[in-house]
Amino acid sequence: MKEINLTTKISVYPIGECSEIEKKLINEAKRVALAAYAPYSGFKVGAAVLLESGQIVTGNNQENAAYPSGLCAERTAIFYATANFPAQKVEAVAIAAFHNGEFTQDVIPPCGACRQVLLEVENRFKNSIKILMYSQKDVYVANSVRDLLPLSFGEEMLK
């Protein structure tokens, strides 16, 4: 038997140690989380995408009574970004979640489907995307989507 060990690196620090652009991105994710349409779960998530031009686009989760017809915040934001700015690289994505009247105490990472979509964008532009996951306690930072999806499926497997 052969064993493969996969490791990843996530930096953890208080929001006060974030750069000004990271703080702005996180604040935008928090702002749009509050406007999410989540009448069934009450779990509101916001995502803010930083484009190479410095522009920030946002999205939030959109639930639907006919589950799973809704869409996560990360995919809402990233699809908007790539549909409206198809030539611009995505530099970073911030994620924030609001539940039970407050922002979460623990970070909320992207789901598997969102990780795969983010990886596709990272591969498309051949540019690492920094992922900032906010909580009231800390900010977790992954310097690439691959850090969140180390054994990933990509276009090279389709050849």
N, C-alpha and C. Protein backbone atom coordinates (compact mmCIF):
# COMPACT_ATOMS: atom_id res chain seq x y z
N MET A 1 0.85 -1.18 0.00
CA MET A 1 0.00 0.00 0.00
C MET A 1 0.89 1.24 0.00
N LYS A 2 0.43 2.21 -0.70
CA LYS A 2 1.12 3.49 -0.78
C LYS A 2 0.24 4.53 -0.09
N GLU A 3 0.85 5.46 0.60
CA GLU A 3 0.10 6.50 1.29
C GLU A 3 0.51 7.86 0.75
N ILE A 4 -0.47 8.72 0.54
CA ILE A 4 -0.21 10.09 0.09
C ILE A 4 -0.72 11.02 1.18
N ASN A 5 0.13 11.90 1.63
CA ASN A 5 -0.28 12.91 2.61
C ASN A 5 -0.46 14.24 1.91
N LEU A 6 -1.61 14.84 2.09
CA LEU A 6 -1.89 16.14 1.52
C LEU A 6 -1.88 17.17 2.65
N THR A 7 -1.17 18.25 2.44
CA THR A 7 -1.15 19.30 3.46
C THR A 7 -1.60 20.61 2.83
N THR A 8 -2.07 21.48 3.67
CA THR A 8 -2.51 22.79 3.21
C THR A 8 -2.10 23.83 4.24
N LYS A 9 -2.03 25.07 3.80
CA LYS A 9 -1.64 26.15 4.69
C LYS A 9 -2.75 27.19 4.73
N ILE A 10 -3.24 27.45 5.92
CA ILE A 10 -4.25 28.48 6.15
C ILE A 10 -3.68 29.43 7.20
N SER A 11 -3.64 30.71 6.89
CA SER A 11 -3.19 31.70 7.87
C SER A 11 -4.40 32.16 8.68
N VAL A 12 -4.19 32.37 9.98
CA VAL A 12 -5.27 32.79 10.87
C VAL A 12 -4.81 34.03 11.60
N TYR A 13 -5.60 35.10 11.49
CA TYR A 13 -5.24 36.31 12.22
C TYR A 13 -6.48 37.16 12.48
N PRO A 14 -6.39 38.09 13.43
CA PRO A 14 -7.53 38.98 13.71
C PRO A 14 -7.72 39.97 12.56
N ILE A 15 -8.93 40.45 12.40
CA ILE A 15 -9.22 41.35 11.28
C ILE A 15 -8.35 42.60 11.32
N GLY A 16 -7.91 43.01 12.49
CA GLY A 16 -7.05 44.18 12.61
C GLY A 16 -5.72 44.02 11.88
N GLU A 17 -5.31 42.79 11.63
CA GLU A 17 -4.06 42.54 10.92
C GLU A 17 -4.25 42.43 9.41
N CYS A 18 -5.49 42.52 8.94
CA CYS A 18 -5.76 42.48 7.50
C CYS A 18 -5.31 43.79 6.86
N SER A 19 -4.99 43.72 5.58
CA SER A 19 -4.67 44.94 4.83
C SER A 19 -5.95 45.75 4.67
N GLU A 20 -5.82 46.99 4.25
CA GLU A 20 -6.99 47.85 4.08
C GLU A 20 -7.93 47.29 3.01
N ILE A 21 -7.39 46.77 1.91
CA ILE A 21 -8.24 46.20 0.87
C ILE A 21 -8.91 44.93 1.35
N GLU A 22 -8.23 44.12 2.16
CA GLU A 22 -8.86 42.92 2.73
C GLU A 22 -10.00 43.31 3.67
N LYS A 23 -9.79 44.33 4.49
CA LYS A 23 -10.85 44.79 5.39
C LYS A 23 -12.05 45.29 4.59
N LYS A 24 -11.78 46.03 3.51
CA LYS A 24 -12.87 46.53 2.67
C LYS A 24 -13.64 45.37 2.05
N LEU A 25 -12.92 44.37 1.57
CA LEU A 25 -13.55 43.21 0.97
C LEU A 25 -14.41 42.45 1.99
N ILE A 26 -13.88 42.26 3.18
CA ILE A 26 -14.63 41.59 4.24
C ILE A 26 -15.87 42.40 4.62
N ASN A 27 -15.73 43.70 4.73
CA ASN A 27 -16.88 44.54 5.07
C ASN A 27 -17.96 44.49 4.00
N GLU A 28 -17.57 44.38 2.74
CA GLU A 28 -18.55 44.24 1.67
C GLU A 28 -19.26 42.89 1.77
N ALA A 29 -18.51 41.84 2.08
CA ALA A 29 -19.12 40.51 2.25
C ALA A 29 -20.12 40.54 3.42
N LYS A 30 -19.75 41.21 4.50
CA LYS A 30 -20.66 41.32 5.65
C LYS A 30 -21.91 42.11 5.27
N ARG A 31 -21.72 43.20 4.54
CA ARG A 31 -22.85 44.06 4.15
C ARG A 31 -23.86 43.27 3.32
N VAL A 32 -23.38 42.54 2.31
CA VAL A 32 -24.33 41.82 1.45
C VAL A 32 -24.88 40.57 2.11
N ALA A 33 -24.18 40.04 3.10
CA ALA A 33 -24.74 38.89 3.84
C ALA A 33 -26.06 39.28 4.48
N LEU A 34 -26.13 40.48 4.99
CA LEU A 34 -27.36 40.93 5.67
C LEU A 34 -28.54 41.02 4.71
N ALA A 35 -28.28 41.15 3.42
CA ALA A 35 -29.33 41.26 2.42
C ALA A 35 -29.64 39.92 1.73
N ALA A 36 -29.03 38.84 2.18
CA ALA A 36 -29.25 37.53 1.56
C ALA A 36 -30.71 37.12 1.70
N TYR A 37 -31.16 36.32 0.75
CA TYR A 37 -32.51 35.79 0.79
C TYR A 37 -32.43 34.37 1.37
N ALA A 38 -32.66 34.27 2.68
CA ALA A 38 -32.52 32.99 3.36
C ALA A 38 -33.69 32.76 4.33
N PRO A 39 -34.93 32.76 3.80
CA PRO A 39 -36.09 32.64 4.70
C PRO A 39 -36.26 31.25 5.31
N TYR A 40 -35.61 30.24 4.75
CA TYR A 40 -35.80 28.87 5.24
C TYR A 40 -34.76 28.49 6.28
N SER A 41 -33.52 28.79 6.02
CA SER A 41 -32.45 28.42 6.95
C SER A 41 -32.13 29.55 7.93
N GLY A 42 -32.37 30.78 7.53
CA GLY A 42 -31.98 31.92 8.35
C GLY A 42 -30.46 32.10 8.36
N PHE A 43 -29.76 31.37 7.52
CA PHE A 43 -28.30 31.40 7.46
C PHE A 43 -27.90 32.25 6.27
N LYS A 44 -27.50 33.48 6.53
CA LYS A 44 -27.20 34.45 5.47
C LYS A 44 -25.70 34.53 5.22
N VAL A 45 -25.33 34.39 3.96
CA VAL A 45 -23.92 34.41 3.58
C VAL A 45 -23.71 35.47 2.51
N GLY A 46 -22.61 36.20 2.65
CA GLY A 46 -22.24 37.19 1.65
C GLY A 46 -20.84 36.90 1.14
N ALA A 47 -20.61 37.23 -0.13
CA ALA A 47 -19.29 37.06 -0.73
C ALA A 47 -18.96 38.32 -1.51
N ALA A 48 -17.71 38.73 -1.42
CA ALA A 48 -17.22 39.88 -2.17
C ALA A 48 -16.00 39.44 -2.97
N VAL A 49 -16.00 39.78 -4.24
CA VAL A 49 -14.95 39.37 -5.18
C VAL A 49 -14.15 40.60 -5.58
N LEU A 50 -12.84 40.51 -5.40
CA LEU A 50 -11.94 41.59 -5.81
C LEU A 50 -11.37 41.26 -7.18
N LEU A 51 -11.62 42.13 -8.15
CA LEU A 51 -11.08 41.96 -9.50
C LEU A 51 -9.74 42.65 -9.62
N GLU A 52 -8.97 42.28 -10.64
CA GLU A 52 -7.63 42.85 -10.80
C GLU A 52 -7.66 44.35 -10.99
N SER A 53 -8.77 44.91 -11.44
CA SER A 53 -8.91 46.36 -11.62
C SER A 53 -9.09 47.09 -10.30
N GLY A 54 -9.34 46.33 -9.23
CA GLY A 54 -9.63 46.91 -7.93
C GLY A 54 -11.12 47.00 -7.64
N GLN A 55 -11.94 46.72 -8.65
CA GLN A 55 -13.39 46.74 -8.48
C GLN A 55 -13.82 45.55 -7.62
N ILE A 56 -14.83 45.78 -6.81
CA ILE A 56 -15.40 44.72 -5.96
C ILE A 56 -16.83 44.45 -6.42
N VAL A 57 -17.13 43.18 -6.66
CA VAL A 57 -18.50 42.77 -6.95
C VAL A 57 -18.94 41.81 -5.86
N THR A 58 -20.23 41.79 -5.60
CA THR A 58 -20.74 41.03 -4.46
C THR A 58 -21.88 40.10 -4.86
N GLY A 59 -22.15 39.18 -3.97
CA GLY A 59 -23.28 38.28 -4.12
C GLY A 59 -23.63 37.68 -2.76
N ASN A 60 -24.84 37.18 -2.64
CA ASN A 60 -25.25 36.53 -1.41
C ASN A 60 -26.06 35.29 -1.74
N ASN A 61 -26.29 34.46 -0.72
CA ASN A 61 -27.03 33.24 -0.98
C ASN A 61 -28.50 33.55 -1.26
N GLN A 62 -29.07 32.74 -2.13
CA GLN A 62 -30.45 32.89 -2.56
C GLN A 62 -31.14 31.55 -2.41
N GLU A 63 -31.97 31.43 -1.38
CA GLU A 63 -32.65 30.16 -1.13
C GLU A 63 -33.92 30.05 -1.96
N ASN A 64 -34.43 28.84 -2.05
CA ASN A 64 -35.63 28.57 -2.81
C ASN A 64 -36.38 27.44 -2.12
N ALA A 65 -37.69 27.55 -2.07
CA ALA A 65 -38.50 26.50 -1.44
C ALA A 65 -38.28 25.16 -2.13
N ALA A 66 -37.99 25.17 -3.42
CA ALA A 66 -37.71 23.94 -4.16
C ALA A 66 -36.21 23.65 -4.07
N TYR A 67 -35.78 23.28 -2.86
CA TYR A 67 -34.37 22.96 -2.63
C TYR A 67 -33.96 21.84 -3.56
N PRO A 68 -32.88 21.85 -4.23
CA PRO A 68 -31.70 22.71 -4.12
C PRO A 68 -31.63 23.79 -5.20
N SER A 69 -32.73 24.41 -5.54
CA SER A 69 -32.74 25.41 -6.61
C SER A 69 -32.09 26.74 -6.24
N GLY A 70 -31.71 26.92 -5.00
CA GLY A 70 -31.03 28.14 -4.59
C GLY A 70 -29.58 28.15 -5.02
N LEU A 71 -28.85 29.18 -4.60
CA LEU A 71 -27.45 29.29 -4.97
C LEU A 71 -26.67 29.94 -3.84
N CYS A 72 -25.46 29.44 -3.62
CA CYS A 72 -24.58 29.97 -2.59
C CYS A 72 -24.06 31.36 -2.95
N ALA A 73 -23.66 32.10 -1.94
CA ALA A 73 -23.14 33.46 -2.12
C ALA A 73 -21.90 33.48 -3.00
N GLU A 74 -20.99 32.53 -2.78
CA GLU A 74 -19.73 32.52 -3.53
C GLU A 74 -19.97 32.35 -5.02
N ARG A 75 -20.85 31.43 -5.38
CA ARG A 75 -21.13 31.21 -6.80
C ARG A 75 -21.93 32.36 -7.39
N THR A 76 -22.84 32.93 -6.62
CA THR A 76 -23.58 34.11 -7.10
C THR A 76 -22.60 35.22 -7.46
N ALA A 77 -21.66 35.49 -6.57
CA ALA A 77 -20.69 36.58 -6.78
C ALA A 77 -19.71 36.26 -7.91
N ILE A 78 -19.17 35.05 -7.92
CA ILE A 78 -18.14 34.71 -8.92
C ILE A 78 -18.75 34.62 -10.31
N PHE A 79 -19.97 34.10 -10.43
CA PHE A 79 -20.62 34.04 -11.74
C PHE A 79 -20.94 35.44 -12.24
N TYR A 80 -21.37 36.32 -11.35
CA TYR A 80 -21.62 37.72 -11.74
C TYR A 80 -20.31 38.35 -12.23
N ALA A 81 -19.24 38.13 -11.50
CA ALA A 81 -17.95 38.72 -11.87
C ALA A 81 -17.48 38.24 -13.23
N THR A 82 -17.52 36.93 -13.45
CA THR A 82 -17.01 36.41 -14.72
C THR A 82 -17.96 36.67 -15.89
N ALA A 83 -19.24 36.83 -15.62
CA ALA A 83 -20.20 37.14 -16.69
C ALA A 83 -20.07 38.60 -17.12
N ASN A 84 -19.85 39.49 -16.17
CA ASN A 84 -19.82 40.92 -16.47
C ASN A 84 -18.42 41.48 -16.71
N PHE A 85 -17.41 40.79 -16.25
CA PHE A 85 -16.02 41.22 -16.43
C PHE A 85 -15.18 40.01 -16.87
N PRO A 86 -15.50 39.44 -18.04
CA PRO A 86 -14.89 38.17 -18.43
C PRO A 86 -13.39 38.20 -18.66
N ALA A 87 -12.82 39.35 -18.85
CA ALA A 87 -11.37 39.44 -19.10
C ALA A 87 -10.56 39.75 -17.85
N GLN A 88 -11.25 40.01 -16.74
CA GLN A 88 -10.53 40.39 -15.53
C GLN A 88 -10.27 39.21 -14.61
N LYS A 89 -9.04 39.13 -14.14
CA LYS A 89 -8.67 38.10 -13.16
C LYS A 89 -9.34 38.40 -11.82
N VAL A 90 -9.66 37.34 -11.12
CA VAL A 90 -10.17 37.46 -9.75
C VAL A 90 -8.96 37.35 -8.83
N GLU A 91 -8.79 38.35 -7.99
CA GLU A 91 -7.66 38.38 -7.07
C GLU A 91 -7.98 37.75 -5.71
N ALA A 92 -9.20 38.01 -5.21
CA ALA A 92 -9.55 37.52 -3.87
C ALA A 92 -11.06 37.43 -3.73
N VAL A 93 -11.48 36.59 -2.78
CA VAL A 93 -12.89 36.46 -2.43
C VAL A 93 -12.99 36.45 -0.91
N ALA A 94 -13.87 37.29 -0.37
CA ALA A 94 -14.13 37.30 1.08
C ALA A 94 -15.52 36.71 1.32
N ILE A 95 -15.65 35.96 2.41
CA ILE A 95 -16.90 35.30 2.75
C ILE A 95 -17.23 35.61 4.21
N ALA A 96 -18.50 35.97 4.44
CA ALA A 96 -18.97 36.23 5.81
C ALA A 96 -20.36 35.63 5.96
N ALA A 97 -20.66 35.11 7.14
CA ALA A 97 -21.98 34.51 7.40
C ALA A 97 -22.62 35.13 8.63
N PHE A 98 -23.94 35.29 8.55
CA PHE A 98 -24.75 35.90 9.62
C PHE A 98 -25.85 34.92 9.99
N HIS A 99 -25.95 34.60 11.29
CA HIS A 99 -26.94 33.61 11.74
C HIS A 99 -27.32 33.91 13.18
N ASN A 100 -28.58 33.73 13.49
CA ASN A 100 -29.09 33.96 14.85
C ASN A 100 -28.74 35.36 15.37
N GLY A 101 -28.87 36.36 14.51
CA GLY A 101 -28.71 37.74 14.93
C GLY A 101 -27.29 38.26 15.04
N GLU A 102 -26.31 37.47 14.57
CA GLU A 102 -24.92 37.95 14.63
C GLU A 102 -24.07 37.25 13.58
N PHE A 103 -22.91 37.86 13.29
CA PHE A 103 -21.97 37.20 12.41
C PHE A 103 -21.39 36.01 13.17
N THR A 104 -21.08 34.97 12.45
CA THR A 104 -20.69 33.71 13.06
C THR A 104 -19.41 33.82 13.88
N GLN A 105 -19.35 33.02 14.92
CA GLN A 105 -18.16 32.95 15.79
C GLN A 105 -17.04 32.16 15.13
N ASP A 106 -17.40 31.28 14.22
CA ASP A 106 -16.42 30.46 13.51
C ASP A 106 -16.50 30.78 12.02
N VAL A 107 -15.40 30.59 11.33
CA VAL A 107 -15.40 30.85 9.90
C VAL A 107 -16.31 29.84 9.19
N ILE A 108 -16.86 30.28 8.08
CA ILE A 108 -17.69 29.42 7.25
C ILE A 108 -16.97 29.28 5.91
N PRO A 109 -16.37 28.13 5.65
CA PRO A 109 -15.66 27.95 4.38
C PRO A 109 -16.64 27.68 3.24
N PRO A 110 -16.19 27.85 2.01
CA PRO A 110 -17.06 27.54 0.87
C PRO A 110 -17.38 26.05 0.82
N CYS A 111 -18.58 25.74 0.35
CA CYS A 111 -18.96 24.33 0.17
C CYS A 111 -18.14 23.72 -0.96
N GLY A 112 -18.26 22.44 -1.15
CA GLY A 112 -17.50 21.76 -2.19
C GLY A 112 -17.80 22.26 -3.59
N ALA A 113 -19.07 22.51 -3.90
CA ALA A 113 -19.43 23.01 -5.23
C ALA A 113 -18.82 24.38 -5.47
N CYS A 114 -18.84 25.24 -4.47
CA CYS A 114 -18.24 26.56 -4.61
C CYS A 114 -16.73 26.47 -4.77
N ARG A 115 -16.11 25.56 -4.04
CA ARG A 115 -14.66 25.37 -4.18
C ARG A 115 -14.31 24.96 -5.61
N GLN A 116 -15.10 24.06 -6.18
CA GLN A 116 -14.83 23.60 -7.54
C GLN A 116 -15.00 24.75 -8.55
N VAL A 117 -16.03 25.57 -8.37
CA VAL A 117 -16.25 26.72 -9.26
C VAL A 117 -15.11 27.73 -9.11
N LEU A 118 -14.71 28.01 -7.89
CA LEU A 118 -13.60 28.94 -7.66
C LEU A 118 -12.30 28.40 -8.27
N LEU A 119 -12.09 27.10 -8.17
CA LEU A 119 -10.90 26.49 -8.76
C LEU A 119 -10.91 26.65 -10.28
N GLU A 120 -12.08 26.49 -10.89
CA GLU A 120 -12.19 26.66 -12.34
C GLU A 120 -11.77 28.08 -12.74
N VAL A 121 -12.18 29.08 -11.98
CA VAL A 121 -11.81 30.47 -12.26
C VAL A 121 -10.32 30.67 -12.05
N GLU A 122 -9.79 30.08 -10.99
CA GLU A 122 -8.35 30.16 -10.74
C GLU A 122 -7.57 29.55 -11.92
N ASN A 123 -8.00 28.39 -12.38
CA ASN A 123 -7.34 27.73 -13.51
C ASN A 123 -7.53 28.51 -14.80
N ARG A 124 -8.71 29.04 -15.01
CA ARG A 124 -9.03 29.80 -16.22
C ARG A 124 -8.07 30.96 -16.43
N PHE A 125 -7.80 31.69 -15.35
CA PHE A 125 -6.95 32.88 -15.44
C PHE A 125 -5.50 32.62 -15.06
N LYS A 126 -5.22 31.35 -14.67
CA LYS A 126 -3.86 31.00 -14.23
C LYS A 126 -3.36 32.00 -13.19
N ASN A 127 -4.22 32.21 -12.19
CA ASN A 127 -3.98 33.21 -11.16
C ASN A 127 -4.56 32.72 -9.84
N SER A 128 -3.73 32.61 -8.82
CA SER A 128 -4.22 32.18 -7.51
C SER A 128 -5.24 33.18 -6.96
N ILE A 129 -6.29 32.64 -6.37
CA ILE A 129 -7.32 33.47 -5.75
C ILE A 129 -7.19 33.33 -4.24
N LYS A 130 -6.98 34.46 -3.56
CA LYS A 130 -6.93 34.46 -2.10
C LYS A 130 -8.35 34.36 -1.57
N ILE A 131 -8.56 33.45 -0.61
CA ILE A 131 -9.87 33.26 -0.01
C ILE A 131 -9.81 33.74 1.45
N LEU A 132 -10.63 34.73 1.77
CA LEU A 132 -10.70 35.28 3.13
C LEU A 132 -12.01 34.83 3.77
N MET A 133 -11.92 34.09 4.85
CA MET A 133 -13.11 33.59 5.54
C MET A 133 -13.21 34.28 6.89
N TYR A 134 -14.24 35.10 7.04
CA TYR A 134 -14.40 35.96 8.22
C TYR A 134 -15.23 35.29 9.32
N SER A 135 -14.83 35.53 10.55
CA SER A 135 -15.66 35.23 11.72
C SER A 135 -15.41 36.33 12.73
N GLN A 136 -16.23 36.37 13.76
CA GLN A 136 -16.02 37.39 14.80
C GLN A 136 -14.69 37.19 15.52
N LYS A 137 -14.21 35.95 15.56
CA LYS A 137 -12.96 35.66 16.27
C LYS A 137 -11.73 35.89 15.42
N ASP A 138 -11.74 35.40 14.18
CA ASP A 138 -10.55 35.41 13.33
C ASP A 138 -10.93 35.53 11.87
N VAL A 139 -9.91 35.74 11.07
CA VAL A 139 -10.03 35.63 9.62
C VAL A 139 -9.08 34.51 9.21
N TYR A 140 -9.61 33.54 8.47
CA TYR A 140 -8.78 32.48 7.89
C TYR A 140 -8.48 32.90 6.46
N VAL A 141 -7.22 32.75 6.06
CA VAL A 141 -6.82 33.13 4.71
C VAL A 141 -6.12 31.97 4.02
N ALA A 142 -6.66 31.58 2.88
CA ALA A 142 -6.01 30.61 2.01
C ALA A 142 -5.48 31.38 0.81
N ASN A 143 -4.24 31.17 0.44
CA ASN A 143 -3.65 31.92 -0.66
C ASN A 143 -4.03 31.39 -2.04
N SER A 144 -4.71 30.27 -2.07
CA SER A 144 -5.16 29.68 -3.32
C SER A 144 -6.35 28.78 -3.03
N VAL A 145 -7.22 28.64 -4.01
CA VAL A 145 -8.34 27.71 -3.87
C VAL A 145 -7.82 26.29 -3.68
N ARG A 146 -6.68 25.99 -4.29
CA ARG A 146 -6.07 24.66 -4.15
C ARG A 146 -5.79 24.31 -2.69
N ASP A 147 -5.59 25.32 -1.84
CA ASP A 147 -5.40 25.06 -0.41
C ASP A 147 -6.67 24.52 0.23
N LEU A 148 -7.82 24.83 -0.36
CA LEU A 148 -9.10 24.34 0.15
C LEU A 148 -9.57 23.08 -0.57
N LEU A 149 -8.94 22.78 -1.70
CA LEU A 149 -9.35 21.64 -2.52
C LEU A 149 -8.09 20.99 -3.10
N PRO A 150 -7.26 20.39 -2.21
CA PRO A 150 -5.94 19.92 -2.66
C PRO A 150 -5.96 18.77 -3.66
N LEU A 151 -6.91 17.92 -3.62
CA LEU A 151 -6.99 16.81 -4.56
C LEU A 151 -8.18 17.11 -5.48
N SER A 152 -7.94 17.99 -6.44
CA SER A 152 -9.03 18.57 -7.21
C SER A 152 -9.16 17.97 -8.60
N PHE A 153 -10.33 18.20 -9.17
CA PHE A 153 -10.65 17.76 -10.52
C PHE A 153 -10.55 18.96 -11.45
N GLY A 154 -9.78 18.83 -12.52
CA GLY A 154 -9.62 19.94 -13.45
C GLY A 154 -9.64 19.49 -14.89
N GLU A 155 -9.49 20.46 -15.78
CA GLU A 155 -9.59 20.19 -17.21
C GLU A 155 -8.55 19.18 -17.70
N GLU A 156 -7.42 19.11 -17.03
CA GLU A 156 -6.38 18.17 -17.46
C GLU A 156 -6.85 16.72 -17.37
N MET A 157 -7.85 16.47 -16.54
CA MET A 157 -8.37 15.11 -16.39
C MET A 157 -9.36 14.75 -17.50
N LEU A 158 -9.77 15.72 -18.26
CA LEU A 158 -10.72 15.49 -19.35
C LEU A 158 -10.02 15.22 -20.68
N LYS A 159 -8.69 15.27 -20.66
CA LYS A 159 -7.95 15.08 -21.93
C LYS A 159 -7.53 13.64 -22.10
